[in-house]
């Protein structure tokens, strides 16, 4: 498949930091919105499903849980498919799966049918879109990557603010079956976003001025096989620390948004007034993510981005701890404002920090493995908080538990990075660019032919190794010998110095 080679080469091409990258950013914005907001948007249909199939709320809650588990738990599978086929084909197939699951669910005759259609099929489709879109964003942006990640992450609160009201309107006008069918059509936009993920083209050597074309003697070196899933990331201390901290963080990160509305109802507030809290949280989140991306891109902040991420996690955890003391609606509003700020900071930085830790080439494998560990935490976190609530009958302990878990994650990330991660040397890209700069400066002192040509198994003597002839003579004789050994009719660029031509 042509996309495979292009995607492989894309990771070695300098990121354009603009141009078509803005189209890629828009696609990632939409995909991120669908991936994170859709599990919550589906919940507006739960009452109708309870009435239709005669099940309990806990039974319908499994729809969102399975969907999230597929989104996170299929990370390694997505990494393998991306490394094998490329980002664009995987996303196009994923968009079809996401739409197909919702369309099939509109014909469901049992709750198990909906588990399989929405939870498994749609969840897999969203997973096949979410991870490749982040990989492509990482390839198209380097200098502006923190801002790009912040803007793409803003798709989650924007989509949540749009999809939840849309779901309520669809349910009222067309019922849950018609609503599922229309949402399935909307998810076809994932295919359009996948089509935007144009692989980066590596420059062709023959088109580069000043570089020779080597004769085609049939001795082409085979390209090294690309690993389907690169487990060497586990040898990176930074990756291990990030994975452990992120897994602990996810245990408590999603708990407050799930329980804050019920918390407000428990305090005696109306349903509409209680639901407004999520709108406040999402509205603040929309602006927090791009703002945090801008801050993370500052020259003096970016090298310390991991500590900014630790601060964001700590901020979120402390907000949970203080929010557990809320006793009225106004205090919950203040809690949602600060939680929206901290939650947006975490969302804007989590993948930016992972990209900085593992680099571009290993990111496709690293994100899949991280999402797998986070999937386990997602399945354990909210249900554990629910059991604690059933046991204590007090929301304060639920928020306390979430806050302690998130604060612990922040401390693990910051302390372990400070103690075990040494300052990294100059980035490879910067080193390559620096080397090219030096080479360009010394170009007049560099001979035109630096490497000896292979002729019948014998190599020529290196320049200045016992040969006392003038340098121009050495270059001329080498070029003539090489030219005579080229087959008749084959073109070859001979690069000589101006002095030798004279």
Foldseek 3Di string as FASTA:
>chain_A
DVQLVLQVCLQVDAAPADDLLVLLLVLLLQLLQCLQQVLVLLLVQQVVQCVQAVDDSVLVNVLSLLLLLLLQQCLLVLLLCCNVPNLLVLQLVLLLQLLQLLLQCLVDDHSVSNCCSRRPRNSNSSNSLNLSSLLLSLSNRDLLSLLSLLLSLLSRLVSNVVSNVVLVVCCVPPNSSSSSNVVSVVSNVSNVSSVSSDRDGDDDPVPDPLDWDDDPPVPDDDDDRDDSADPCCVVFPLLVLLLVLLQLLLLQLPQCVVCQLVVQVVLPDDNVLSVVLSVLLSVLLSVLRSVLSVVCSDPVNVLVLLLLLLVLLLQLLVLLLVLLPDNHDVSSSVSSNSNSNSSSNNSSRSLVVVCVRPHSSNSSNSSSVSSSSNSVSNSNRNVVLVVVCVVPVGCSVSSNVSSVSSNVSSCSSVVCCVPPPDRDPDDPVVVVVVVVVVCVVCVVVDFSDQAFDQDPNDTDDGPPPPDPDDPLVVLVVSQVVVVVPHDPPDDIDRDHDPVSVD
